[in-house]
Amino acid sequence: MPSPLYSTLLSTAGAYIDSAKAVDILGRQLARCSATPDNFGPEHLKAVKLHISGALALYVPDKVKREQLTAKIEALAQ
């Protein structure tokens, strides 16, 4: 069962890009910090938030929406 933080991050990303693509991107970024959806926690997000934001931003063409997404990810990492 995915952690609450992973679920929140996935739903946040899914509001901006296709949810299947979000799962793929998050899976690659979780591997960077040796996390899984089940054990993903705040320390993992802090370690890879810039990578997650950058990877997701590639699929959000609107600059304002990219900035909103980045801000939401940053807020989750606090």
Protein backbone atom coordinates (compact mmCIF):
# COMPACT_ATOMS: atom_id res chain seq x y z
CA MET A 1 0.00 0.00 0.00
CA PRO A 2 1.50 3.36 -1.03
CA SER A 3 2.45 5.80 1.68
CA PRO A 4 0.17 8.81 2.21
CA LEU A 5 2.92 11.15 0.98
CA TYR A 6 3.41 9.14 -2.21
CA SER A 7 -0.35 9.11 -2.81
CA THR A 8 -0.55 12.87 -2.30
CA LEU A 9 2.41 13.47 -4.59
CA LEU A 10 0.90 11.23 -7.25
CA SER A 11 -2.47 12.96 -7.10
CA THR A 12 -0.76 16.35 -7.23
CA ALA A 13 1.23 15.36 -10.31
CA GLY A 14 -1.83 13.68 -11.84
CA ALA A 15 -3.65 17.01 -11.79
CA TYR A 16 -1.10 18.35 -14.28
CA ILE A 17 -0.09 15.35 -16.40
CA ASP A 18 -1.43 11.94 -17.33
CA SER A 19 -1.48 9.78 -14.21
CA ALA A 20 0.25 6.85 -15.94
CA LYS A 21 3.11 9.16 -16.94
CA ALA A 22 3.23 10.52 -13.38
CA VAL A 23 3.58 6.98 -11.98
CA ASP A 24 6.42 6.32 -14.42
CA ILE A 25 8.25 9.54 -13.56
CA LEU A 26 7.84 9.08 -9.83
CA GLY A 27 9.03 5.49 -10.07
CA ARG A 28 12.26 6.57 -11.73
CA GLN A 29 12.84 9.34 -9.21
CA LEU A 30 12.10 7.12 -6.21
CA ALA A 31 14.83 4.79 -7.42
CA ARG A 32 17.29 7.70 -7.01
CA CYS A 33 16.73 7.71 -3.25
CA SER A 34 16.20 3.96 -2.81
CA ALA A 35 12.53 4.41 -1.94
CA THR A 36 9.41 2.56 -2.95
CA PRO A 37 5.85 3.88 -3.08
CA ASP A 38 5.22 1.97 0.15
CA ASN A 39 8.04 3.51 2.20
CA PHE A 40 8.28 6.94 0.54
CA GLY A 41 8.56 9.56 3.26
CA PRO A 42 9.49 13.20 3.84
CA GLU A 43 13.23 12.51 3.89
CA HIS A 44 12.98 10.88 0.46
CA LEU A 45 10.99 13.77 -0.97
CA LYS A 46 13.51 16.29 0.33
CA ALA A 47 16.28 14.31 -1.37
CA VAL A 48 14.64 14.19 -4.80
CA LYS A 49 12.17 17.08 -4.93
CA LEU A 50 14.23 18.99 -7.51
CA HIS A 51 14.53 15.90 -9.71
CA ILE A 52 10.80 15.20 -9.42
CA SER A 53 9.88 18.81 -10.20
CA GLY A 54 12.23 18.91 -13.18
CA ALA A 55 11.06 15.62 -14.63
CA LEU A 56 7.38 16.47 -14.25
CA ALA A 57 7.91 19.97 -15.68
CA LEU A 58 9.03 18.46 -18.97
CA TYR A 59 5.43 17.39 -19.54
CA VAL A 60 3.72 20.63 -18.46
CA PRO A 61 4.00 23.12 -21.34
CA ASP A 62 2.35 26.06 -19.56
CA LYS A 63 4.88 28.04 -17.51
CA VAL A 64 2.36 29.15 -14.88
CA LYS A 65 1.17 25.58 -14.34
CA ARG A 66 4.79 24.37 -14.09
CA GLU A 67 5.43 26.95 -11.40
CA GLN A 68 2.26 25.93 -9.56
CA LEU A 69 3.26 22.27 -9.67
CA THR A 70 6.77 23.06 -8.43
CA ALA A 71 5.34 25.14 -5.59
CA LYS A 72 3.01 22.33 -4.55
CA ILE A 73 5.85 19.82 -4.52
CA GLU A 74 7.96 22.25 -2.50
CA ALA A 75 5.11 22.64 0.00
CA LEU A 76 4.84 18.86 0.36
CA ALA A 77 8.56 18.70 1.14
CA GLN A 78 8.23 21.09 4.10
